[in-house]
Amino acid sequence: MGAHEIRMRLGGVSRQRAYQITSRADFPKPIADLRQGKVWLTDDVEAWMKVHRRDLDDSED
């Protein structure tokens, strides 16, 4: 999952806000740093969101 997908899953947050979130010490580490940007495992990001962004669970129903 790239930064754009993370932004969308977090409710369309700004690029700056996504950078702040993905830079947190408790956010999963990226599995690759490609020319286009960093890439995270979808399962890792979704697990993090379940703990830290519970408000998103309601909007996905």
PDB file of N, CA and C in Angstrom:
ATOM      1  N   MET A   1       0.855  -1.165   0.000  1.00  0.00           N
ATOM      2  CA  MET A   1       0.000   0.000   0.000  1.00  0.00           C
ATOM      3  C   MET A   1       0.901   1.228   0.000  1.00  0.00           C
ATOM      4  N   GLY A   2       0.625   2.141  -0.911  1.00  0.00           N
ATOM      5  CA  GLY A   2       1.395   3.366  -0.986  1.00  0.00           C
ATOM      6  C   GLY A   2       0.760   4.490  -0.181  1.00  0.00           C
ATOM      7  N   ALA A   3       1.407   5.634  -0.181  1.00  0.00           N
ATOM      8  CA  ALA A   3       0.943   6.783   0.604  1.00  0.00           C
ATOM      9  C   ALA A   3      -0.447   7.241   0.182  1.00  0.00           C
ATOM     10  N   HIS A   4      -0.724   7.209  -1.119  1.00  0.00           N
ATOM     11  CA  HIS A   4      -2.051   7.645  -1.583  1.00  0.00           C
ATOM     12  C   HIS A   4      -3.149   6.743  -1.023  1.00  0.00           C
ATOM     13  N   GLU A   5      -2.929   5.435  -1.061  1.00  0.00           N
ATOM     14  CA  GLU A   5      -3.917   4.503  -0.509  1.00  0.00           C
ATOM     15  C   GLU A   5      -4.101   4.726   0.985  1.00  0.00           C
ATOM     16  N   ILE A   6      -3.019   4.992   1.691  1.00  0.00           N
ATOM     17  CA  ILE A   6      -3.117   5.265   3.128  1.00  0.00           C
ATOM     18  C   ILE A   6      -3.937   6.531   3.349  1.00  0.00           C
ATOM     19  N   ARG A   7      -3.676   7.576   2.564  1.00  0.00           N
ATOM     20  CA  ARG A   7      -4.435   8.813   2.691  1.00  0.00           C
ATOM     21  C   ARG A   7      -5.923   8.553   2.512  1.00  0.00           C
ATOM     22  N   MET A   8      -6.280   7.771   1.517  1.00  0.00           N
ATOM     23  CA  MET A   8      -7.694   7.494   1.250  1.00  0.00           C
ATOM     24  C   MET A   8      -8.314   6.668   2.372  1.00  0.00           C
ATOM     25  N   ARG A   9      -7.587   5.679   2.870  1.00  0.00           N
ATOM     26  CA  ARG A   9      -8.116   4.836   3.959  1.00  0.00           C
ATOM     27  C   ARG A   9      -8.283   5.631   5.250  1.00  0.00           C
ATOM     28  N   LEU A  10      -7.516   6.702   5.392  1.00  0.00           N
ATOM     29  CA  LEU A  10      -7.629   7.553   6.580  1.00  0.00           C
ATOM     30  C   LEU A  10      -8.648   8.675   6.375  1.00  0.00           C
ATOM     31  N   GLY A  11      -9.465   8.539   5.366  1.00  0.00           N
ATOM     32  CA  GLY A  11     -10.533   9.497   5.160  1.00  0.00           C
ATOM     33  C   GLY A  11     -10.161  10.676   4.280  1.00  0.00           C
ATOM     34  N   GLY A  12      -9.147  10.525   3.459  1.00  0.00           N
ATOM     35  CA  GLY A  12      -8.760  11.599   2.555  1.00  0.00           C
ATOM     36  C   GLY A  12      -7.946  12.695   3.212  1.00  0.00           C
ATOM     37  N   VAL A  13      -7.106  12.320   4.169  1.00  0.00           N
ATOM     38  CA  VAL A  13      -6.276  13.320   4.846  1.00  0.00           C
ATOM     39  C   VAL A  13      -5.276  13.927   3.865  1.00  0.00           C
ATOM     40  N   SER A  14      -4.729  15.077   4.232  1.00  0.00           N
ATOM     41  CA  SER A  14      -3.748  15.760   3.385  1.00  0.00           C
ATOM     42  C   SER A  14      -2.445  14.968   3.323  1.00  0.00           C
ATOM     43  N   ARG A  15      -1.620  15.308   2.363  1.00  0.00           N
ATOM     44  CA  ARG A  15      -0.304  14.672   2.253  1.00  0.00           C
ATOM     45  C   ARG A  15       0.524  14.927   3.503  1.00  0.00           C
ATOM     46  N   GLN A  16       0.442  16.148   4.013  1.00  0.00           N
ATOM     47  CA  GLN A  16       1.207  16.495   5.210  1.00  0.00           C
ATOM     48  C   GLN A  16       0.763  15.657   6.407  1.00  0.00           C
ATOM     49  N   ARG A  17      -0.563  15.498   6.549  1.00  0.00           N
ATOM     50  CA  ARG A  17      -1.087  14.703   7.672  1.00  0.00           C
ATOM     51  C   ARG A  17      -0.697  13.234   7.506  1.00  0.00           C
ATOM     52  N   ALA A  18      -0.748  12.720   6.289  1.00  0.00           N
ATOM     53  CA  ALA A  18      -0.350  11.333   6.052  1.00  0.00           C
ATOM     54  C   ALA A  18       1.120  11.142   6.395  1.00  0.00           C
ATOM     55  N   TYR A  19       1.959  12.112   6.041  1.00  0.00           N
ATOM     56  CA  TYR A  19       3.382  12.034   6.382  1.00  0.00           C
ATOM     57  C   TYR A  19       3.568  12.020   7.898  1.00  0.00           C
ATOM     58  N   GLN A  20       2.818  12.875   8.606  1.00  0.00           N
ATOM     59  CA  GLN A  20       2.910  12.896  10.071  1.00  0.00           C
ATOM     60  C   GLN A  20       2.540  11.535  10.653  1.00  0.00           C
ATOM     61  N   ILE A  21       1.476  10.957  10.147  1.00  0.00           N
ATOM     62  CA  ILE A  21       1.006   9.668  10.662  1.00  0.00           C
ATOM     63  C   ILE A  21       2.001   8.556  10.352  1.00  0.00           C
ATOM     64  N   THR A  22       2.469   8.490   9.100  1.00  0.00           N
ATOM     65  CA  THR A  22       3.379   7.407   8.722  1.00  0.00           C
ATOM     66  C   THR A  22       4.762   7.573   9.336  1.00  0.00           C
ATOM     67  N   SER A  23       5.060   8.740   9.873  1.00  0.00           N
ATOM     68  CA  SER A  23       6.344   8.975  10.534  1.00  0.00           C
ATOM     69  C   SER A  23       6.307   8.661  12.026  1.00  0.00           C
ATOM     70  N   ARG A  24       5.134   8.368  12.544  1.00  0.00           N
ATOM     71  CA  ARG A  24       5.016   8.057  13.972  1.00  0.00           C
ATOM     72  C   ARG A  24       5.824   6.804  14.310  1.00  0.00           C
ATOM     73  N   ALA A  25       6.348   6.783  15.510  1.00  0.00           N
ATOM     74  CA  ALA A  25       7.150   5.636  15.955  1.00  0.00           C
ATOM     75  C   ALA A  25       6.327   4.347  15.995  1.00  0.00           C
ATOM     76  N   ASP A  26       5.013   4.462  16.259  1.00  0.00           N
ATOM     77  CA  ASP A  26       4.178   3.268  16.360  1.00  0.00           C
ATOM     78  C   ASP A  26       3.535   2.853  15.035  1.00  0.00           C
ATOM     79  N   PHE A  27       3.783   3.602  13.958  1.00  0.00           N
ATOM     80  CA  PHE A  27       3.248   3.226  12.652  1.00  0.00           C
ATOM     81  C   PHE A  27       4.147   2.144  12.058  1.00  0.00           C
ATOM     82  N   PRO A  28       3.556   1.178  11.334  1.00  0.00           N
ATOM     83  CA  PRO A  28       4.385   0.106  10.746  1.00  0.00           C
ATOM     84  C   PRO A  28       5.496   0.665   9.850  1.00  0.00           C
ATOM     85  N   LYS A  29       6.612  -0.005   9.856  1.00  0.00           N
ATOM     86  CA  LYS A  29       7.733   0.383   9.000  1.00  0.00           C
ATOM     87  C   LYS A  29       7.435  -0.041   7.566  1.00  0.00           C
ATOM     88  N   PRO A  30       7.823   0.775   6.596  1.00  0.00           N
ATOM     89  CA  PRO A  30       7.597   0.392   5.202  1.00  0.00           C
ATOM     90  C   PRO A  30       8.432  -0.830   4.823  1.00  0.00           C
ATOM     91  N   ILE A  31       7.920  -1.610   3.881  1.00  0.00           N
ATOM     92  CA  ILE A  31       8.665  -2.794   3.435  1.00  0.00           C
ATOM     93  C   ILE A  31       9.606  -2.460   2.292  1.00  0.00           C
ATOM     94  N   ALA A  32       9.374  -1.291   1.640  1.00  0.00           N
ATOM     95  CA  ALA A  32      10.239  -0.870   0.540  1.00  0.00           C
ATOM     96  C   ALA A  32      10.175   0.649   0.402  1.00  0.00           C
ATOM     97  N   ASP A  33      11.261   1.205  -0.109  1.00  0.00           N
ATOM     98  CA  ASP A  33      11.314   2.635  -0.404  1.00  0.00           C
ATOM     99  C   ASP A  33      11.659   2.761  -1.883  1.00  0.00           C
ATOM    100  N   LEU A  34      10.618   2.863  -2.702  1.00  0.00           N
ATOM    101  CA  LEU A  34      10.767   2.885  -4.149  1.00  0.00           C
ATOM    102  C   LEU A  34      10.937   4.319  -4.650  1.00  0.00           C
ATOM    103  N   ARG A  35      11.246   4.448  -5.906  1.00  0.00           N
ATOM    104  CA  ARG A  35      11.384   5.775  -6.511  1.00  0.00           C
ATOM    105  C   ARG A  35      10.091   6.582  -6.349  1.00  0.00           C
ATOM    106  N   GLN A  36       8.944   5.905  -6.440  1.00  0.00           N
ATOM    107  CA  GLN A  36       7.650   6.573  -6.319  1.00  0.00           C
ATOM    108  C   GLN A  36       7.268   6.861  -4.867  1.00  0.00           C
ATOM    109  N   GLY A  37       7.966   6.261  -3.926  1.00  0.00           N
ATOM    110  CA  GLY A  37       7.661   6.462  -2.506  1.00  0.00           C
ATOM    111  C   GLY A  37       7.717   5.163  -1.733  1.00  0.00           C
ATOM    112  N   LYS A  38       7.394   5.273  -0.486  1.00  0.00           N
ATOM    113  CA  LYS A  38       7.430   4.115   0.410  1.00  0.00           C
ATOM    114  C   LYS A  38       6.203   3.241   0.200  1.00  0.00           C
ATOM    115  N   VAL A  39       6.369   1.953   0.551  1.00  0.00           N
ATOM    116  CA  VAL A  39       5.297   0.968   0.415  1.00  0.00           C
ATOM    117  C   VAL A  39       5.194   0.197   1.734  1.00  0.00           C
ATOM    118  N   TRP A  40       3.959   0.038   2.206  1.00  0.00           N
ATOM    119  CA  TRP A  40       3.692  -0.676   3.446  1.00  0.00           C
ATOM    120  C   TRP A  40       2.852  -1.904   3.153  1.00  0.00           C
ATOM    121  N   LEU A  41       2.941  -2.896   4.024  1.00  0.00           N
ATOM    122  CA  LEU A  41       2.069  -4.064   3.915  1.00  0.00           C
ATOM    123  C   LEU A  41       0.648  -3.647   4.310  1.00  0.00           C
ATOM    124  N   THR A  42      -0.309  -3.973   3.479  1.00  0.00           N
ATOM    125  CA  THR A  42      -1.703  -3.602   3.744  1.00  0.00           C
ATOM    126  C   THR A  42      -2.161  -4.133   5.094  1.00  0.00           C
ATOM    127  N   ASP A  43      -1.842  -5.387   5.406  1.00  0.00           N
ATOM    128  CA  ASP A  43      -2.269  -5.972   6.678  1.00  0.00           C
ATOM    129  C   ASP A  43      -1.716  -5.195   7.867  1.00  0.00           C
ATOM    130  N   ASP A  44      -0.465  -4.745   7.777  1.00  0.00           N
ATOM    131  CA  ASP A  44       0.142  -3.976   8.868  1.00  0.00           C
ATOM    132  C   ASP A  44      -0.568  -2.641   9.059  1.00  0.00           C
ATOM    133  N   VAL A  45      -0.852  -1.966   7.956  1.00  0.00           N
ATOM    134  CA  VAL A  45      -1.515  -0.660   8.030  1.00  0.00           C
ATOM    135  C   VAL A  45      -2.936  -0.812   8.563  1.00  0.00           C
ATOM    136  N   GLU A  46      -3.657  -1.809   8.078  1.00  0.00           N
ATOM    137  CA  GLU A  46      -5.022  -2.021   8.546  1.00  0.00           C
ATOM    138  C   GLU A  46      -5.066  -2.389  10.024  1.00  0.00           C
ATOM    139  N   ALA A  47      -4.112  -3.183  10.488  1.00  0.00           N
ATOM    140  CA  ALA A  47      -4.046  -3.519  11.911  1.00  0.00           C
ATOM    141  C   ALA A  47      -3.777  -2.261  12.737  1.00  0.00           C
ATOM    142  N   TRP A  48      -2.896  -1.399  12.261  1.00  0.00           N
ATOM    143  CA  TRP A  48      -2.603  -0.142  12.969  1.00  0.00           C
ATOM    144  C   TRP A  48      -3.867   0.721  13.036  1.00  0.00           C
ATOM    145  N   MET A  49      -4.599   0.795  11.922  1.00  0.00           N
ATOM    146  CA  MET A  49      -5.814   1.615  11.892  1.00  0.00           C
ATOM    147  C   MET A  49      -6.881   1.089  12.842  1.00  0.00           C
ATOM    148  N   LYS A  50      -6.986  -0.216  12.968  1.00  0.00           N
ATOM    149  CA  LYS A  50      -7.988  -0.784  13.885  1.00  0.00           C
ATOM    150  C   LYS A  50      -7.732  -0.334  15.316  1.00  0.00           C
ATOM    151  N   VAL A  51      -6.477  -0.179  15.684  1.00  0.00           N
ATOM    152  CA  VAL A  51      -6.131   0.238  17.041  1.00  0.00           C
ATOM    153  C   VAL A  51      -6.200   1.757  17.200  1.00  0.00           C
ATOM    154  N   HIS A  52      -5.678   2.485  16.207  1.00  0.00           N
ATOM    155  CA  HIS A  52      -5.509   3.924  16.355  1.00  0.00           C
ATOM    156  C   HIS A  52      -6.573   4.771  15.682  1.00  0.00           C
ATOM    157  N   ARG A  53      -7.338   4.207  14.792  1.00  0.00           N
ATOM    158  CA  ARG A  53      -8.342   4.965  14.058  1.00  0.00           C
ATOM    159  C   ARG A  53      -9.681   4.242  14.091  1.00  0.00           C
ATOM    160  N   ARG A  54     -10.159   3.942  15.254  1.00  0.00           N
ATOM    161  CA  ARG A  54     -11.406   3.175  15.391  1.00  0.00           C
ATOM    162  C   ARG A  54     -12.586   3.841  14.718  1.00  0.00           C
ATOM    163  N   ASP A  55     -12.552   5.171  14.589  1.00  0.00           N
ATOM    164  CA  ASP A  55     -13.654   5.872  13.956  1.00  0.00           C
ATOM    165  C   ASP A  55     -13.814   5.469  12.491  1.00  0.00           C
ATOM    166  N   LEU A  56     -12.786   4.938  11.846  1.00  0.00           N
ATOM    167  CA  LEU A  56     -12.883   4.514  10.450  1.00  0.00           C
ATOM    168  C   LEU A  56     -13.658   3.220  10.294  1.00  0.00           C
ATOM    169  N   ASP A  57     -13.678   2.385  11.324  1.00  0.00           N
ATOM    170  CA  ASP A  57     -14.389   1.112  11.229  1.00  0.00           C
ATOM    171  C   ASP A  57     -15.873   1.331  10.936  1.00  0.00           C
ATOM    172  N   ASP A  58     -16.465   2.338  11.542  1.00  0.00           N
ATOM    173  CA  ASP A  58     -17.899   2.603  11.360  1.00  0.00           C
ATOM    174  C   ASP A  58     -18.213   3.048   9.942  1.00  0.00           C
ATOM    175  N   SER A  59     -17.332   3.767   9.299  1.00  0.00           N
ATOM    176  CA  SER A  59     -17.608   4.281   7.966  1.00  0.00           C
ATOM    177  C   SER A  59     -17.453   3.216   6.880  1.00  0.00           C
ATOM    178  N   GLU A  60     -16.872   2.081   7.169  1.00  0.00           N
ATOM    179  CA  GLU A  60     -16.671   1.033   6.177  1.00  0.00           C
ATOM    180  C   GLU A  60     -17.822   0.032   6.137  1.00  0.00           C
ATOM    181  N   ASP A  61     -18.787   0.140   7.022  1.00  0.00           N
ATOM    182  CA  ASP A  61     -19.911  -0.803   7.061  1.00  0.00           C
ATOM    183  C   ASP A  61     -20.863  -0.601   5.917  1.00  0.00           C
TER     184      ASP A  61
END
